[in-house]
């Protein structure tokens, strides 16, 4: 094991941020790579055993903090990613990396100029779904569905991004499983208690994908499904084959991928290409379903 120990800080202590802090305290190495949690940033004053609360300025200016994990609400991502890159930090950001394709491209270009890593999280891809699909009968249509609740910011398209930017991971899932899909249609509707966005996508071989996104003011919880209609008339409902609660968890596995990029000095090209392509598709969808909006 090398003697290098990377200093890491977490910004944002919601569910994802708390999971990151917990995991970084429990796991301090992976293969030859070692790290140390230097602290966390939160608007609230918190006490977490083994972790120190830092100010935002400390995270960006301290030389012993080399990598930052951004786990805040979407509307803060762009400012924090930019500040991290400008200060020469490696950055892992929860999706969406930005609120537009233009800014996402700018960030990857900035990271390359600075010689640092930029990584967009998508734990929804850390599974064996693609292997399950490849072992099945060929498919003809895919339905990706997400139902969830408002949380104070996800329903605000102006600050958190329009539906398929805010939930760009759904499009990344379609790209990962179905190939280089393109937007061909969709719908959007909203009322006082909910909104519903639908995207119709098409693969190069004309097979089709529908992404349905529903958010409610009041909801029983989050539900996500990925269902393929196969050419033999059967249905494949993709579900994780790994035991729930298995260690390390998905956030830590994502961090391992990030640290592999950091130690190699190279941004994962597949992740970068998929991220940028998904933003392009999201913007194409929004031009169809929300043509009068100015995001």
C-alpha atoms as a PDB file:
ATOM      1  CA  UNK A   1       0.000   0.000   0.000  1.00  0.00           C
ATOM      2  CA  UNK A   2       1.354   3.414  -0.960  1.00  0.00           C
ATOM      3  CA  UNK A   3       2.045   6.052   1.655  1.00  0.00           C
ATOM      4  CA  UNK A   4      -0.175   8.657  -0.025  1.00  0.00           C
ATOM      5  CA  UNK A   5      -3.335   9.462   1.967  1.00  0.00           C
ATOM      6  CA  UNK A   6      -5.928  11.651   0.210  1.00  0.00           C
ATOM      7  CA  UNK A   7      -7.796  14.207   2.275  1.00  0.00           C
ATOM      8  CA  UNK A   8     -11.549  14.152   1.556  1.00  0.00           C
ATOM      9  CA  UNK A   9     -14.419  16.442   2.587  1.00  0.00           C
ATOM     10  CA  UNK A  10     -18.188  16.115   2.135  1.00  0.00           C
ATOM     11  CA  UNK A  11     -20.413  19.122   1.402  1.00  0.00           C
ATOM     12  CA  UNK A  12     -24.089  18.624   2.245  1.00  0.00           C
ATOM     13  CA  UNK A  13     -25.479  16.355   4.945  1.00  0.00           C
ATOM     14  CA  UNK A  14     -28.756  15.099   3.543  1.00  0.00           C
ATOM     15  CA  UNK A  15     -29.332  11.362   3.102  1.00  0.00           C
ATOM     16  CA  UNK A  16     -26.561  10.952   0.533  1.00  0.00           C
ATOM     17  CA  UNK A  17     -24.103  13.131   2.429  1.00  0.00           C
ATOM     18  CA  UNK A  18     -24.684  11.283   5.695  1.00  0.00           C
ATOM     19  CA  UNK A  19     -24.168   7.974   3.902  1.00  0.00           C
ATOM     20  CA  UNK A  20     -20.918   9.290   2.429  1.00  0.00           C
ATOM     21  CA  UNK A  21     -19.617  10.451   5.819  1.00  0.00           C
ATOM     22  CA  UNK A  22     -20.594   7.153   7.468  1.00  0.00           C
ATOM     23  CA  UNK A  23     -18.845   5.121   4.768  1.00  0.00           C
ATOM     24  CA  UNK A  24     -15.704   7.271   4.671  1.00  0.00           C
ATOM     25  CA  UNK A  25     -15.286   6.787   8.415  1.00  0.00           C
ATOM     26  CA  UNK A  26     -15.809   3.036   8.128  1.00  0.00           C
ATOM     27  CA  UNK A  27     -13.695   2.419   5.022  1.00  0.00           C
ATOM     28  CA  UNK A  28     -10.343   4.200   4.751  1.00  0.00           C
ATOM     29  CA  UNK A  29      -8.662   2.304   1.919  1.00  0.00           C
ATOM     30  CA  UNK A  30      -9.349   0.349  -1.237  1.00  0.00           C
ATOM     31  CA  UNK A  31      -6.542  -1.671  -2.751  1.00  0.00           C
ATOM     32  CA  UNK A  32      -3.476   0.560  -2.616  1.00  0.00           C
ATOM     33  CA  UNK A  33      -5.477   3.777  -2.208  1.00  0.00           C
ATOM     34  CA  UNK A  34      -5.901   5.401   1.208  1.00  0.00           C
ATOM     35  CA  UNK A  35      -7.972   8.384   2.279  1.00  0.00           C
ATOM     36  CA  UNK A  36      -8.927  10.321   5.374  1.00  0.00           C
ATOM     37  CA  UNK A  37     -12.161  12.214   6.009  1.00  0.00           C
ATOM     38  CA  UNK A  38     -11.063  15.727   6.920  1.00  0.00           C
ATOM     39  CA  UNK A  39     -14.588  16.907   7.666  1.00  0.00           C
ATOM     40  CA  UNK A  40     -17.981  17.922   6.371  1.00  0.00           C
ATOM     41  CA  UNK A  41     -19.913  21.110   5.578  1.00  0.00           C
ATOM     42  CA  UNK A  42     -23.532  21.631   6.588  1.00  0.00           C
ATOM     43  CA  UNK A  43     -25.826  24.611   7.066  1.00  0.00           C
ATOM     44  CA  UNK A  44     -26.819  23.050  10.388  1.00  0.00           C
ATOM     45  CA  UNK A  45     -24.513  22.708  13.361  1.00  0.00           C
ATOM     46  CA  UNK A  46     -23.994  18.963  13.713  1.00  0.00           C
ATOM     47  CA  UNK A  47     -21.928  16.615  15.805  1.00  0.00           C
ATOM     48  CA  UNK A  48     -20.794  13.395  14.130  1.00  0.00           C
ATOM     49  CA  UNK A  49     -18.423  11.142  15.997  1.00  0.00           C
ATOM     50  CA  UNK A  50     -15.083  10.970  14.222  1.00  0.00           C
ATOM     51  CA  UNK A  51     -15.881  13.816  11.822  1.00  0.00           C
ATOM     52  CA  UNK A  52     -15.193  17.532  12.098  1.00  0.00           C
ATOM     53  CA  UNK A  53     -17.527  20.238  10.852  1.00  0.00           C
ATOM     54  CA  UNK A  54     -15.754  22.671   8.514  1.00  0.00           C
ATOM     55  CA  UNK A  55     -16.679  25.895   6.793  1.00  0.00           C
ATOM     56  CA  UNK A  56     -17.072  25.989   3.040  1.00  0.00           C
ATOM     57  CA  UNK A  57     -14.021  28.240   2.736  1.00  0.00           C
ATOM     58  CA  UNK A  58     -11.896  25.759   4.696  1.00  0.00           C
ATOM     59  CA  UNK A  59     -12.819  22.930   2.345  1.00  0.00           C
ATOM     60  CA  UNK A  60     -11.823  24.890  -0.747  1.00  0.00           C
ATOM     61  CA  UNK A  61      -8.642  26.486   0.620  1.00  0.00           C
ATOM     62  CA  UNK A  62      -7.056  23.873   2.886  1.00  0.00           C
ATOM     63  CA  UNK A  63      -4.154  22.110   1.186  1.00  0.00           C
ATOM     64  CA  UNK A  64      -4.867  18.857   3.025  1.00  0.00           C
ATOM     65  CA  UNK A  65      -8.328  18.631   1.423  1.00  0.00           C
ATOM     66  CA  UNK A  66      -7.658  17.237  -2.034  1.00  0.00           C
ATOM     67  CA  UNK A  67     -11.059  15.819  -2.964  1.00  0.00           C
ATOM     68  CA  UNK A  68     -14.575  17.067  -2.286  1.00  0.00           C
ATOM     69  CA  UNK A  69     -17.888  15.240  -2.492  1.00  0.00           C
ATOM     70  CA  UNK A  70     -20.860  17.482  -3.323  1.00  0.00           C
ATOM     71  CA  UNK A  71     -24.111  16.118  -1.883  1.00  0.00           C
ATOM     72  CA  UNK A  72     -26.297  19.220  -1.768  1.00  0.00           C
ATOM     73  CA  UNK A  73     -29.550  20.058  -3.514  1.00  0.00           C
ATOM     74  CA  UNK A  74     -29.249  20.513  -7.284  1.00  0.00           C
ATOM     75  CA  UNK A  75     -29.391  24.302  -7.264  1.00  0.00           C
ATOM     76  CA  UNK A  76     -26.036  24.521  -5.468  1.00  0.00           C
ATOM     77  CA  UNK A  77     -24.108  22.059  -7.625  1.00  0.00           C
ATOM     78  CA  UNK A  78     -22.840  24.445 -10.274  1.00  0.00           C
ATOM     79  CA  UNK A  79     -21.434  26.985  -7.831  1.00  0.00           C
ATOM     80  CA  UNK A  80     -19.742  24.318  -5.707  1.00  0.00           C
ATOM     81  CA  UNK A  81     -18.336  22.312  -8.624  1.00  0.00           C
ATOM     82  CA  UNK A  82     -16.928  25.468 -10.179  1.00  0.00           C
ATOM     83  CA  UNK A  83     -15.370  26.585  -6.902  1.00  0.00           C
ATOM     84  CA  UNK A  84     -13.866  23.166  -6.338  1.00  0.00           C
ATOM     85  CA  UNK A  85     -12.295  22.992  -9.783  1.00  0.00           C
ATOM     86  CA  UNK A  86     -11.036  26.575  -9.592  1.00  0.00           C
ATOM     87  CA  UNK A  87      -9.240  25.656  -6.366  1.00  0.00           C
ATOM     88  CA  UNK A  88      -7.648  22.551  -7.874  1.00  0.00           C
ATOM     89  CA  UNK A  89      -9.752  19.968  -6.052  1.00  0.00           C
ATOM     90  CA  UNK A  90     -10.866  16.596  -7.364  1.00  0.00           C
ATOM     91  CA  UNK A  91     -14.671  16.716  -7.422  1.00  0.00           C
ATOM     92  CA  UNK A  92     -17.311  14.034  -7.080  1.00  0.00           C
ATOM     93  CA  UNK A  93     -20.807  15.473  -7.532  1.00  0.00           C
ATOM     94  CA  UNK A  94     -24.182  13.825  -7.070  1.00  0.00           C
ATOM     95  CA  UNK A  95     -26.236  13.984 -10.254  1.00  0.00           C
ATOM     96  CA  UNK A  96     -26.969  16.287 -11.966  1.00  0.00           C
ATOM     97  CA  UNK A  97     -23.465  17.648 -12.389  1.00  0.00           C
ATOM     98  CA  UNK A  98     -24.915  20.909 -13.722  1.00  0.00           C
ATOM     99  CA  UNK A  99     -28.226  22.299 -14.937  1.00  0.00           C
ATOM    100  CA  UNK A 100     -27.291  22.492 -18.619  1.00  0.00           C
ATOM    101  CA  UNK A 101     -25.166  20.747 -21.228  1.00  0.00           C
ATOM    102  CA  UNK A 102     -23.170  23.945 -21.782  1.00  0.00           C
ATOM    103  CA  UNK A 103     -22.059  24.180 -18.160  1.00  0.00           C
ATOM    104  CA  UNK A 104     -21.379  20.439 -17.884  1.00  0.00           C
ATOM    105  CA  UNK A 105     -19.055  20.671 -20.898  1.00  0.00           C
ATOM    106  CA  UNK A 106     -17.365  23.699 -19.375  1.00  0.00           C
ATOM    107  CA  UNK A 107     -16.740  21.812 -16.132  1.00  0.00           C
ATOM    108  CA  UNK A 108     -15.109  18.808 -17.827  1.00  0.00           C
ATOM    109  CA  UNK A 109     -12.921  21.147 -19.877  1.00  0.00           C
ATOM    110  CA  UNK A 110     -11.963  23.044 -16.724  1.00  0.00           C
ATOM    111  CA  UNK A 111     -11.097  19.811 -14.902  1.00  0.00           C
ATOM    112  CA  UNK A 112      -8.820  18.739 -17.729  1.00  0.00           C
ATOM    113  CA  UNK A 113      -7.080  22.126 -17.794  1.00  0.00           C
ATOM    114  CA  UNK A 114      -6.564  21.987 -14.038  1.00  0.00           C
ATOM    115  CA  UNK A 115      -5.371  18.381 -14.120  1.00  0.00           C
ATOM    116  CA  UNK A 116      -8.025  17.187 -11.677  1.00  0.00           C
ATOM    117  CA  UNK A 117     -10.813  14.606 -11.740  1.00  0.00           C
ATOM    118  CA  UNK A 118     -14.491  15.418 -12.192  1.00  0.00           C
ATOM    119  CA  UNK A 119     -16.919  12.566 -11.570  1.00  0.00           C
ATOM    120  CA  UNK A 120     -20.715  12.541 -11.693  1.00  0.00           C
ATOM    121  CA  UNK A 121     -22.351  10.014  -9.388  1.00  0.00           C
ATOM    122  CA  UNK A 122     -24.949   7.597 -10.709  1.00  0.00           C
ATOM    123  CA  UNK A 123     -25.292   4.694  -8.299  1.00  0.00           C
ATOM    124  CA  UNK A 124     -28.291   3.567 -10.353  1.00  0.00           C
ATOM    125  CA  UNK A 125     -25.814   2.047 -12.823  1.00  0.00           C
ATOM    126  CA  UNK A 126     -23.898   0.015 -10.228  1.00  0.00           C
ATOM    127  CA  UNK A 127     -25.777  -3.225 -10.790  1.00  0.00           C
ATOM    128  CA  UNK A 128     -25.904  -6.214 -13.125  1.00  0.00           C
ATOM    129  CA  UNK A 129     -28.893  -5.001 -15.165  1.00  0.00           C
ATOM    130  CA  UNK A 130     -26.962  -4.913 -18.414  1.00  0.00           C
ATOM    131  CA  UNK A 131     -25.781  -8.484 -17.903  1.00  0.00           C
ATOM    132  CA  UNK A 132     -29.345  -9.606 -17.142  1.00  0.00           C
ATOM    133  CA  UNK A 133     -30.572  -7.902 -20.305  1.00  0.00           C
ATOM    134  CA  UNK A 134     -27.830  -9.392 -22.482  1.00  0.00           C
ATOM    135  CA  UNK A 135     -28.691 -12.895 -21.245  1.00  0.00           C
ATOM    136  CA  UNK A 136     -32.396 -12.512 -22.077  1.00  0.00           C
ATOM    137  CA  UNK A 137     -34.367 -12.735 -25.310  1.00  0.00           C
ATOM    138  CA  UNK A 138     -33.920  -9.577 -27.455  1.00  0.00           C
ATOM    139  CA  UNK A 139     -36.117  -6.688 -26.324  1.00  0.00           C
ATOM    140  CA  UNK A 140     -38.451  -4.451 -28.305  1.00  0.00           C
ATOM    141  CA  UNK A 141     -39.556  -1.796 -25.784  1.00  0.00           C
ATOM    142  CA  UNK A 142     -38.352  -0.457 -22.420  1.00  0.00           C
ATOM    143  CA  UNK A 143     -40.346   1.387 -19.745  1.00  0.00           C
ATOM    144  CA  UNK A 144     -38.387   3.294 -17.092  1.00  0.00           C
ATOM    145  CA  UNK A 145     -40.644   4.706 -14.391  1.00  0.00           C
ATOM    146  CA  UNK A 146     -39.949   6.836 -11.328  1.00  0.00           C
ATOM    147  CA  UNK A 147     -42.562   7.962  -8.815  1.00  0.00           C
ATOM    148  CA  UNK A 148     -41.659  10.120  -5.843  1.00  0.00           C
ATOM    149  CA  UNK A 149     -42.564  13.052  -3.684  1.00  0.00           C
ATOM    150  CA  UNK A 150     -41.735  16.724  -3.584  1.00  0.00           C
ATOM    151  CA  UNK A 151     -38.937  17.579  -1.161  1.00  0.00           C
ATOM    152  CA  UNK A 152     -38.823  21.361  -1.192  1.00  0.00           C
ATOM    153  CA  UNK A 153     -36.581  21.765  -4.212  1.00  0.00           C
ATOM    154  CA  UNK A 154     -37.031  18.931  -6.733  1.00  0.00           C
ATOM    155  CA  UNK A 155     -40.355  20.434  -7.812  1.00  0.00           C
ATOM    156  CA  UNK A 156     -38.767  23.831  -8.490  1.00  0.00           C
ATOM    157  CA  UNK A 157     -37.701  23.556 -12.125  1.00  0.00           C
ATOM    158  CA  UNK A 158     -36.104  27.000 -12.141  1.00  0.00           C
ATOM    159  CA  UNK A 159     -33.560  26.294  -9.392  1.00  0.00           C
ATOM    160  CA  UNK A 160     -33.218  22.502  -9.586  1.00  0.00           C
ATOM    161  CA  UNK A 161     -33.442  22.022 -13.333  1.00  0.00           C
ATOM    162  CA  UNK A 162     -36.351  20.884 -15.535  1.00  0.00           C
ATOM    163  CA  UNK A 163     -37.615  17.321 -14.963  1.00  0.00           C
ATOM    164  CA  UNK A 164     -35.172  15.325 -17.068  1.00  0.00           C
ATOM    165  CA  UNK A 165     -32.156  17.381 -15.999  1.00  0.00           C
ATOM    166  CA  UNK A 166     -33.103  17.104 -12.335  1.00  0.00           C
ATOM    167  CA  UNK A 167     -33.515  13.351 -12.916  1.00  0.00           C
ATOM    168  CA  UNK A 168     -30.878  12.944 -15.628  1.00  0.00           C
ATOM    169  CA  UNK A 169     -29.903   9.587 -14.130  1.00  0.00           C
ATOM    170  CA  UNK A 170     -32.999   8.106 -15.780  1.00  0.00           C
ATOM    171  CA  UNK A 171     -31.698   9.096 -19.202  1.00  0.00           C
ATOM    172  CA  UNK A 172     -28.240   7.795 -18.320  1.00  0.00           C
ATOM    173  CA  UNK A 173     -29.887   4.488 -17.449  1.00  0.00           C
ATOM    174  CA  UNK A 174     -31.565   4.418 -20.871  1.00  0.00           C
ATOM    175  CA  UNK A 175     -28.245   5.149 -22.591  1.00  0.00           C
ATOM    176  CA  UNK A 176     -26.462   2.490 -20.536  1.00  0.00           C
ATOM    177  CA  UNK A 177     -29.005  -0.239 -21.238  1.00  0.00           C
ATOM    178  CA  UNK A 178     -30.458   0.675 -24.631  1.00  0.00           C
ATOM    179  CA  UNK A 179     -27.641   2.351 -26.536  1.00  0.00           C
ATOM    180  CA  UNK A 180     -27.455   5.802 -28.101  1.00  0.00           C
ATOM    181  CA  UNK A 181     -31.122   6.719 -27.833  1.00  0.00           C
ATOM    182  CA  UNK A 182     -32.554   9.979 -29.123  1.00  0.00           C
ATOM    183  CA  UNK A 183     -35.592  12.044 -28.151  1.00  0.00           C
ATOM    184  CA  UNK A 184     -38.599  11.665 -30.459  1.00  0.00           C
ATOM    185  CA  UNK A 185     -41.471  12.957 -28.300  1.00  0.00           C
ATOM    186  CA  UNK A 186     -42.963  13.350 -24.871  1.00  0.00           C
ATOM    187  CA  UNK A 187     -45.497  15.153 -22.707  1.00  0.00           C
ATOM    188  CA  UNK A 188     -45.615  17.335 -19.604  1.00  0.00           C
ATOM    189  CA  UNK A 189     -48.479  18.206 -17.289  1.00  0.00           C
ATOM    190  CA  UNK A 190     -48.767  19.650 -13.814  1.00  0.00           C
ATOM    191  CA  UNK A 191     -51.335  20.716 -11.264  1.00  0.00           C
ATOM    192  CA  UNK A 192     -51.271  22.036  -7.718  1.00  0.00           C
ATOM    193  CA  UNK A 193     -50.306  18.658  -6.243  1.00  0.00           C
ATOM    194  CA  UNK A 194     -48.078  16.949  -8.815  1.00  0.00           C
ATOM    195  CA  UNK A 195     -46.319  16.957 -12.155  1.00  0.00           C
ATOM    196  CA  UNK A 196     -45.889  14.245 -14.767  1.00  0.00           C
ATOM    197  CA  UNK A 197     -43.188  14.246 -17.454  1.00  0.00           C
ATOM    198  CA  UNK A 198     -42.862  11.602 -20.149  1.00  0.00           C
ATOM    199  CA  UNK A 199     -40.043  11.134 -22.647  1.00  0.00           C
ATOM    200  CA  UNK A 200     -40.286   8.987 -25.752  1.00  0.00           C
ATOM    201  CA  UNK A 201     -36.891   7.809 -26.975  1.00  0.00           C
ATOM    202  CA  UNK A 202     -35.742   5.723 -29.896  1.00  0.00           C
ATOM    203  CA  UNK A 203     -32.677   3.504 -30.288  1.00  0.00           C
ATOM    204  CA  UNK A 204     -30.696   3.459 -33.555  1.00  0.00           C
ATOM    205  CA  UNK A 205     -32.456   0.216 -34.564  1.00  0.00           C
ATOM    206  CA  UNK A 206     -35.888   1.842 -33.968  1.00  0.00           C
ATOM    207  CA  UNK A 207     -36.620   0.007 -30.714  1.00  0.00           C
ATOM    208  CA  UNK A 208     -38.394   2.317 -28.281  1.00  0.00           C
ATOM    209  CA  UNK A 209     -37.970   3.567 -24.724  1.00  0.00           C
ATOM    210  CA  UNK A 210     -40.455   5.469 -22.555  1.00  0.00           C
ATOM    211  CA  UNK A 211     -39.381   7.280 -19.407  1.00  0.00           C
ATOM    212  CA  UNK A 212     -42.200   8.305 -17.073  1.00  0.00           C
ATOM    213  CA  UNK A 213     -41.467  10.663 -14.197  1.00  0.00           C
ATOM    214  CA  UNK A 214     -44.117  11.540 -11.603  1.00  0.00           C
ATOM    215  CA  UNK A 215     -43.676  13.704  -8.519  1.00  0.00           C
ATOM    216  CA  UNK A 216     -46.393  14.313  -5.947  1.00  0.00           C
ATOM    217  CA  UNK A 217     -46.828  16.821  -3.144  1.00  0.00           C
ATOM    218  CA  UNK A 218     -47.852  13.888  -0.987  1.00  0.00           C
ATOM    219  CA  UNK A 219     -46.537  10.426  -1.751  1.00  0.00           C
ATOM    220  CA  UNK A 220     -46.117   7.048  -0.097  1.00  0.00           C
ATOM    221  CA  UNK A 221     -42.473   6.909  -1.062  1.00  0.00           C
ATOM    222  CA  UNK A 222     -40.110   6.434  -3.961  1.00  0.00           C
ATOM    223  CA  UNK A 223     -40.728   3.737  -6.571  1.00  0.00           C
ATOM    224  CA  UNK A 224     -38.546   2.989  -9.574  1.00  0.00           C
ATOM    225  CA  UNK A 225     -38.943   0.276 -12.171  1.00  0.00           C
ATOM    226  CA  UNK A 226     -37.207  -0.797 -15.378  1.00  0.00           C
ATOM    227  CA  UNK A 227     -39.271  -3.195 -17.442  1.00  0.00           C
ATOM    228  CA  UNK A 228     -38.396  -4.601 -20.869  1.00  0.00           C
ATOM    229  CA  UNK A 229     -40.929  -6.094 -23.242  1.00  0.00           C
ATOM    230  CA  UNK A 230     -39.139  -8.915 -25.043  1.00  0.00           C
ATOM    231  CA  UNK A 231     -39.621 -10.059 -28.615  1.00  0.00           C
ATOM    232  CA  UNK A 232     -40.954 -13.447 -27.510  1.00  0.00           C
ATOM    233  CA  UNK A 233     -43.839 -11.762 -25.682  1.00  0.00           C
ATOM    234  CA  UNK A 234     -42.421 -12.123 -22.174  1.00  0.00           C
ATOM    235  CA  UNK A 235     -41.426  -9.349 -19.793  1.00  0.00           C
ATOM    236  CA  UNK A 236     -38.104  -8.732 -18.027  1.00  0.00           C
ATOM    237  CA  UNK A 237     -38.426  -6.708 -14.819  1.00  0.00           C
ATOM    238  CA  UNK A 238     -34.894  -5.741 -13.844  1.00  0.00           C
ATOM    239  CA  UNK A 239     -34.076  -6.077 -10.164  1.00  0.00           C
ATOM    240  CA  UNK A 240     -30.727  -6.028  -8.339  1.00  0.00           C
ATOM    241  CA  UNK A 241     -29.303  -9.507  -7.860  1.00  0.00           C
ATOM    242  CA  UNK A 242     -26.956  -8.334  -5.103  1.00  0.00           C
ATOM    243  CA  UNK A 243     -28.260  -8.802  -1.587  1.00  0.00           C
ATOM    244  CA  UNK A 244     -29.766  -5.552  -0.188  1.00  0.00           C
ATOM    245  CA  UNK A 245     -27.539  -4.086   2.502  1.00  0.00           C
ATOM    246  CA  UNK A 246     -24.421  -5.781   1.132  1.00  0.00           C
ATOM    247  CA  UNK A 247     -21.162  -4.060   2.036  1.00  0.00           C
ATOM    248  CA  UNK A 248     -19.695  -1.884   0.802  1.00  0.00           C
ATOM    249  CA  UNK A 249     -22.826  -0.033  -0.277  1.00  0.00           C
ATOM    250  CA  UNK A 250     -23.473   1.704  -3.580  1.00  0.00           C
ATOM    251  CA  UNK A 251     -22.186   5.117  -2.475  1.00  0.00           C
ATOM    252  CA  UNK A 252     -18.891   3.585  -1.397  1.00  0.00           C
ATOM    253  CA  UNK A 253     -18.558   1.619  -4.614  1.00  0.00           C
ATOM    254  CA  UNK A 254     -19.096   4.888  -6.493  1.00  0.00           C
ATOM    255  CA  UNK A 255     -16.374   6.488  -4.354  1.00  0.00           C
ATOM    256  CA  UNK A 256     -14.008   3.628  -5.207  1.00  0.00           C
ATOM    257  CA  UNK A 257     -14.555   4.377  -8.899  1.00  0.00           C
ATOM    258  CA  UNK A 258     -13.849   8.050  -8.247  1.00  0.00           C
ATOM    259  CA  UNK A 259     -10.615   7.272  -6.387  1.00  0.00           C
ATOM    260  CA  UNK A 260      -9.470   4.979  -9.195  1.00  0.00           C
ATOM    261  CA  UNK A 261      -9.809   7.985 -11.506  1.00  0.00           C
ATOM    262  CA  UNK A 262      -7.926  10.191  -9.025  1.00  0.00           C
ATOM    263  CA  UNK A 263      -4.988   7.779  -8.719  1.00  0.00           C
ATOM    264  CA  UNK A 264      -4.843   7.149 -12.473  1.00  0.00           C
ATOM    265  CA  UNK A 265      -5.054  10.867 -13.248  1.00  0.00           C
ATOM    266  CA  UNK A 266      -7.672  10.195 -15.926  1.00  0.00           C
ATOM    267  CA  UNK A 267     -11.382  11.040 -16.030  1.00  0.00           C
ATOM    268  CA  UNK A 268     -13.496   7.990 -16.875  1.00  0.00           C
ATOM    269  CA  UNK A 269     -14.228   8.623 -20.557  1.00  0.00           C
ATOM    270  CA  UNK A 270     -17.319   6.403 -20.615  1.00  0.00           C
ATOM    271  CA  UNK A 271     -18.808   8.269 -17.639  1.00  0.00           C
ATOM    272  CA  UNK A 272     -18.000  11.638 -19.209  1.00  0.00           C
ATOM    273  CA  UNK A 273     -19.476  10.725 -22.607  1.00  0.00           C
ATOM    274  CA  UNK A 274     -22.631   9.276 -21.029  1.00  0.00           C
ATOM    275  CA  UNK A 275     -23.076  12.317 -18.786  1.00  0.00           C
ATOM    276  CA  UNK A 276     -22.813  14.794 -21.647  1.00  0.00           C
ATOM    277  CA  UNK A 277     -24.970  12.723 -23.993  1.00  0.00           C
ATOM    278  CA  UNK A 278     -27.688  12.468 -21.319  1.00  0.00           C
ATOM    279  CA  UNK A 279     -27.708  16.248 -20.884  1.00  0.00           C
ATOM    280  CA  UNK A 280     -28.105  16.663 -24.648  1.00  0.00           C
ATOM    281  CA  UNK A 281     -31.033  14.238 -24.716  1.00  0.00           C
ATOM    282  CA  UNK A 282     -32.632  15.943 -21.692  1.00  0.00           C
ATOM    283  CA  UNK A 283     -32.467  19.321 -23.408  1.00  0.00           C
ATOM    284  CA  UNK A 284     -33.907  17.816 -26.600  1.00  0.00           C
ATOM    285  CA  UNK A 285     -36.810  16.390 -24.583  1.00  0.00           C
ATOM    286  CA  UNK A 286     -37.514  19.691 -22.864  1.00  0.00           C
ATOM    287  CA  UNK A 287     -37.608  21.532 -26.182  1.00  0.00           C
ATOM    288  CA  UNK A 288     -40.419  19.160 -27.131  1.00  0.00           C
ATOM    289  CA  UNK A 289     -42.429  18.991 -23.903  1.00  0.00           C
ATOM    290  CA  UNK A 290     -41.824  22.462 -22.442  1.00  0.00           C
ATOM    291  CA  UNK A 291     -41.139  24.648 -25.510  1.00  0.00           C
ATOM    292  CA  UNK A 292     -42.137  27.926 -23.841  1.00  0.00           C
ATOM    293  CA  UNK A 293     -40.014  27.445 -20.747  1.00  0.00           C
ATOM    294  CA  UNK A 294     -36.796  29.390 -20.364  1.00  0.00           C
ATOM    295  CA  UNK A 295     -34.521  27.300 -18.203  1.00  0.00           C
END
